[in-house]
N, C-alpha and C. Protein backbone atom coordinates (compact mmCIF):
# COMPACT_ATOMS: atom_id res chain seq x y z
N MET A 1 -22.80 -32.79 91.02
CA MET A 1 -21.90 -32.33 89.98
C MET A 1 -22.30 -30.90 89.62
N GLY A 2 -21.33 -30.02 89.70
CA GLY A 2 -21.58 -28.63 89.38
C GLY A 2 -21.47 -28.36 87.89
N THR A 3 -21.81 -27.14 87.53
CA THR A 3 -21.75 -26.79 86.11
C THR A 3 -20.33 -26.74 85.59
N ASP A 4 -19.37 -26.37 86.45
CA ASP A 4 -17.98 -26.32 85.99
C ASP A 4 -17.46 -27.71 85.67
N VAL A 5 -17.87 -28.70 86.44
CA VAL A 5 -17.45 -30.08 86.17
C VAL A 5 -18.11 -30.59 84.89
N ALA A 6 -19.39 -30.27 84.71
CA ALA A 6 -20.09 -30.69 83.49
C ALA A 6 -19.48 -30.05 82.26
N VAL A 7 -19.10 -28.79 82.36
CA VAL A 7 -18.47 -28.11 81.23
C VAL A 7 -17.10 -28.72 80.94
N THR A 8 -16.35 -29.05 81.97
CA THR A 8 -15.04 -29.68 81.79
C THR A 8 -15.19 -31.04 81.12
N LEU A 9 -16.15 -31.83 81.58
CA LEU A 9 -16.38 -33.14 80.96
C LEU A 9 -16.80 -33.00 79.50
N ALA A 10 -17.67 -32.05 79.21
CA ALA A 10 -18.11 -31.84 77.83
C ALA A 10 -16.96 -31.36 76.96
N ARG A 11 -16.10 -30.50 77.51
CA ARG A 11 -14.95 -30.01 76.75
C ARG A 11 -13.99 -31.15 76.42
N HIS A 12 -13.72 -32.01 77.40
CA HIS A 12 -12.83 -33.15 77.16
C HIS A 12 -13.44 -34.12 76.15
N LEU A 13 -14.74 -34.31 76.22
CA LEU A 13 -15.42 -35.19 75.28
C LEU A 13 -15.35 -34.64 73.86
N LEU A 14 -15.56 -33.35 73.69
CA LEU A 14 -15.50 -32.75 72.36
C LEU A 14 -14.09 -32.76 71.79
N ILE A 15 -13.09 -32.56 72.64
CA ILE A 15 -11.71 -32.64 72.17
C ILE A 15 -11.38 -34.06 71.72
N GLU A 16 -11.82 -35.04 72.48
CA GLU A 16 -11.57 -36.44 72.11
C GLU A 16 -12.28 -36.79 70.81
N ALA A 17 -13.51 -36.34 70.65
CA ALA A 17 -14.24 -36.60 69.41
C ALA A 17 -13.56 -35.94 68.22
N LEU A 18 -13.05 -34.74 68.42
CA LEU A 18 -12.33 -34.04 67.35
C LEU A 18 -11.06 -34.78 66.96
N LEU A 19 -10.33 -35.29 67.96
CA LEU A 19 -9.12 -36.05 67.66
C LEU A 19 -9.43 -37.34 66.90
N LEU A 20 -10.55 -37.96 67.21
CA LEU A 20 -10.91 -39.21 66.54
C LEU A 20 -11.42 -38.97 65.12
N CYS A 21 -12.09 -37.86 64.89
CA CYS A 21 -12.68 -37.58 63.58
C CYS A 21 -11.75 -36.83 62.63
N ALA A 22 -10.76 -36.15 63.17
CA ALA A 22 -9.91 -35.28 62.35
C ALA A 22 -9.22 -35.99 61.19
N PRO A 23 -8.63 -37.17 61.36
CA PRO A 23 -7.96 -37.79 60.21
C PRO A 23 -8.91 -38.09 59.04
N MET A 24 -10.12 -38.55 59.35
CA MET A 24 -11.07 -38.84 58.28
C MET A 24 -11.56 -37.57 57.60
N LEU A 25 -11.78 -36.52 58.38
CA LEU A 25 -12.22 -35.26 57.80
C LEU A 25 -11.15 -34.63 56.92
N VAL A 26 -9.91 -34.68 57.37
CA VAL A 26 -8.81 -34.13 56.57
C VAL A 26 -8.65 -34.92 55.29
N ALA A 27 -8.72 -36.25 55.38
CA ALA A 27 -8.59 -37.08 54.18
C ALA A 27 -9.72 -36.80 53.19
N ALA A 28 -10.93 -36.65 53.68
CA ALA A 28 -12.06 -36.36 52.81
C ALA A 28 -11.90 -34.99 52.14
N CYS A 29 -11.40 -34.03 52.88
CA CYS A 29 -11.18 -32.69 52.30
C CYS A 29 -10.09 -32.72 51.23
N VAL A 30 -9.02 -33.45 51.49
CA VAL A 30 -7.93 -33.53 50.51
C VAL A 30 -8.40 -34.23 49.25
N VAL A 31 -9.12 -35.33 49.40
CA VAL A 31 -9.63 -36.05 48.22
C VAL A 31 -10.60 -35.17 47.45
N SER A 32 -11.47 -34.45 48.14
CA SER A 32 -12.40 -33.56 47.46
C SER A 32 -11.68 -32.46 46.70
N LEU A 33 -10.64 -31.91 47.30
CA LEU A 33 -9.87 -30.87 46.65
C LEU A 33 -9.18 -31.39 45.39
N VAL A 34 -8.56 -32.57 45.50
CA VAL A 34 -7.89 -33.16 44.34
C VAL A 34 -8.88 -33.51 43.24
N MET A 35 -10.01 -34.08 43.62
CA MET A 35 -11.00 -34.45 42.60
C MET A 35 -11.61 -33.21 41.96
N SER A 36 -11.81 -32.15 42.72
CA SER A 36 -12.32 -30.90 42.14
C SER A 36 -11.31 -30.30 41.18
N LEU A 37 -10.06 -30.38 41.52
CA LEU A 37 -9.01 -29.89 40.63
C LEU A 37 -8.98 -30.70 39.34
N ILE A 38 -9.10 -32.01 39.47
CA ILE A 38 -9.12 -32.87 38.27
C ILE A 38 -10.34 -32.57 37.43
N GLN A 39 -11.49 -32.39 38.06
CA GLN A 39 -12.71 -32.07 37.30
C GLN A 39 -12.59 -30.73 36.60
N THR A 40 -11.97 -29.77 37.25
CA THR A 40 -11.80 -28.46 36.63
C THR A 40 -10.86 -28.54 35.44
N LEU A 41 -9.79 -29.29 35.58
CA LEU A 41 -8.82 -29.40 34.50
C LEU A 41 -9.35 -30.19 33.31
N THR A 42 -10.17 -31.21 33.57
CA THR A 42 -10.68 -32.03 32.47
C THR A 42 -12.01 -31.55 31.92
N GLY A 43 -12.75 -30.77 32.70
CA GLY A 43 -14.05 -30.29 32.24
C GLY A 43 -15.17 -31.27 32.50
N VAL A 44 -14.90 -32.38 33.16
CA VAL A 44 -15.93 -33.36 33.48
C VAL A 44 -16.60 -32.93 34.78
N GLN A 45 -17.90 -32.71 34.75
CA GLN A 45 -18.62 -32.26 35.93
C GLN A 45 -19.63 -33.32 36.37
N GLU A 46 -19.13 -34.39 36.91
CA GLU A 46 -19.96 -35.49 37.37
C GLU A 46 -19.87 -35.57 38.90
N GLN A 47 -21.01 -35.50 39.58
CA GLN A 47 -21.02 -35.49 41.04
C GLN A 47 -20.57 -36.81 41.65
N ALA A 48 -20.89 -37.92 40.99
CA ALA A 48 -20.49 -39.23 41.51
C ALA A 48 -18.98 -39.40 41.46
N LEU A 49 -18.32 -38.65 40.59
CA LEU A 49 -16.87 -38.77 40.46
C LEU A 49 -16.16 -38.28 41.72
N THR A 50 -16.74 -37.34 42.43
CA THR A 50 -16.12 -36.88 43.68
C THR A 50 -16.59 -37.68 44.89
N ALA A 51 -17.81 -38.16 44.87
CA ALA A 51 -18.36 -38.84 46.05
C ALA A 51 -17.75 -40.23 46.25
N VAL A 52 -17.59 -40.98 45.17
CA VAL A 52 -17.11 -42.36 45.31
C VAL A 52 -15.67 -42.43 45.82
N PRO A 53 -14.72 -41.69 45.26
CA PRO A 53 -13.36 -41.76 45.83
C PRO A 53 -13.28 -41.28 47.28
N ARG A 54 -14.08 -40.28 47.61
CA ARG A 54 -14.09 -39.78 48.99
C ARG A 54 -14.59 -40.86 49.94
N LEU A 55 -15.66 -41.54 49.57
CA LEU A 55 -16.19 -42.61 50.42
C LEU A 55 -15.20 -43.76 50.55
N VAL A 56 -14.54 -44.11 49.46
CA VAL A 56 -13.57 -45.21 49.49
C VAL A 56 -12.39 -44.85 50.39
N VAL A 57 -11.87 -43.63 50.24
CA VAL A 57 -10.72 -43.22 51.05
C VAL A 57 -11.08 -43.17 52.53
N VAL A 58 -12.23 -42.64 52.87
CA VAL A 58 -12.64 -42.57 54.27
C VAL A 58 -12.87 -43.97 54.83
N PHE A 59 -13.48 -44.85 54.05
CA PHE A 59 -13.70 -46.22 54.50
C PHE A 59 -12.38 -46.94 54.75
N VAL A 60 -11.44 -46.83 53.81
CA VAL A 60 -10.14 -47.48 53.97
C VAL A 60 -9.40 -46.90 55.18
N LEU A 61 -9.47 -45.59 55.36
CA LEU A 61 -8.81 -44.96 56.49
C LEU A 61 -9.41 -45.41 57.82
N VAL A 62 -10.72 -45.56 57.87
CA VAL A 62 -11.36 -46.04 59.10
C VAL A 62 -10.92 -47.47 59.40
N VAL A 63 -10.86 -48.32 58.37
CA VAL A 63 -10.46 -49.71 58.59
C VAL A 63 -9.00 -49.78 59.04
N VAL A 64 -8.14 -48.97 58.43
CA VAL A 64 -6.72 -48.98 58.79
C VAL A 64 -6.50 -48.42 60.19
N MET A 65 -7.25 -47.40 60.54
CA MET A 65 -7.05 -46.73 61.83
C MET A 65 -7.89 -47.32 62.95
N MET A 66 -8.63 -48.38 62.69
CA MET A 66 -9.52 -48.94 63.70
C MET A 66 -8.81 -49.31 65.01
N PRO A 67 -7.61 -49.91 64.98
CA PRO A 67 -6.96 -50.20 66.27
C PRO A 67 -6.65 -48.93 67.08
N TRP A 68 -6.17 -47.90 66.39
CA TRP A 68 -5.86 -46.65 67.08
C TRP A 68 -7.13 -46.00 67.62
N LEU A 69 -8.20 -45.99 66.81
CA LEU A 69 -9.47 -45.42 67.24
C LEU A 69 -10.02 -46.16 68.46
N ALA A 70 -9.95 -47.48 68.44
CA ALA A 70 -10.44 -48.27 69.57
C ALA A 70 -9.60 -48.03 70.81
N HIS A 71 -8.27 -47.94 70.64
CA HIS A 71 -7.39 -47.70 71.77
C HIS A 71 -7.66 -46.34 72.40
N LYS A 72 -7.83 -45.30 71.59
CA LYS A 72 -8.12 -43.97 72.11
C LYS A 72 -9.46 -43.94 72.84
N THR A 73 -10.46 -44.60 72.27
CA THR A 73 -11.79 -44.62 72.89
C THR A 73 -11.76 -45.37 74.21
N VAL A 74 -11.09 -46.52 74.23
CA VAL A 74 -11.02 -47.31 75.46
C VAL A 74 -10.22 -46.57 76.53
N SER A 75 -9.11 -45.95 76.15
CA SER A 75 -8.31 -45.23 77.16
C SER A 75 -9.08 -44.03 77.70
N TYR A 76 -9.84 -43.34 76.86
CA TYR A 76 -10.66 -42.22 77.34
C TYR A 76 -11.73 -42.73 78.31
N THR A 77 -12.38 -43.83 77.97
CA THR A 77 -13.43 -44.38 78.82
C THR A 77 -12.86 -44.86 80.15
N ILE A 78 -11.71 -45.52 80.12
CA ILE A 78 -11.08 -45.98 81.36
C ILE A 78 -10.70 -44.79 82.23
N GLY A 79 -10.14 -43.77 81.60
CA GLY A 79 -9.80 -42.56 82.37
C GLY A 79 -11.02 -41.90 82.97
N LEU A 80 -12.11 -41.91 82.24
CA LEU A 80 -13.34 -41.32 82.75
C LEU A 80 -13.88 -42.12 83.93
N TRP A 81 -13.86 -43.45 83.83
CA TRP A 81 -14.36 -44.29 84.91
C TRP A 81 -13.46 -44.25 86.14
N THR A 82 -12.14 -44.16 85.93
CA THR A 82 -11.26 -44.12 87.10
C THR A 82 -11.34 -42.79 87.83
N ASP A 83 -11.66 -41.71 87.14
CA ASP A 83 -11.80 -40.41 87.78
C ASP A 83 -13.24 -40.07 88.11
N LEU A 84 -14.12 -41.04 88.06
CA LEU A 84 -15.53 -40.79 88.29
C LEU A 84 -15.81 -40.27 89.71
N HIS A 85 -15.06 -40.78 90.68
CA HIS A 85 -15.25 -40.32 92.05
C HIS A 85 -14.94 -38.83 92.20
N ARG A 86 -14.04 -38.33 91.38
CA ARG A 86 -13.70 -36.91 91.43
C ARG A 86 -14.82 -36.06 90.86
N TYR A 87 -15.50 -36.58 89.85
CA TYR A 87 -16.57 -35.82 89.21
C TYR A 87 -17.88 -35.84 90.01
N LEU A 88 -18.14 -36.94 90.67
CA LEU A 88 -19.40 -37.08 91.39
C LEU A 88 -19.33 -36.56 92.82
N GLY A 89 -18.14 -36.34 93.29
CA GLY A 89 -18.01 -35.77 94.63
C GLY A 89 -17.67 -36.80 95.59
C-alpha cells in the first residue's frame, strides 16, 4: 500500500467521522448558544445550567439517530472490506 492509498483511506475515514459527529456537534453548539443567551438575558451565571441541557440534548440525539449512525458505519465498513483488494494490491 502506497502513501497515496493511505492518504485516500484516511481522508475517507475523516469525512465519514465528520458526517457521523456533525449532527451532535451542531446540536450542542445551538443549545450552548441558546443557553448563553438566556443566561445573559436573565443574569444567572451558573455553569451547570449550560452543561446539563447540552448533555441531555446530545444524549437524546444519539439515541434517536442510532439506527442512521449504525447504518452509515456498517455501510462504510462493508464498502471498505469489499474494496480491500484494490487497496492492498
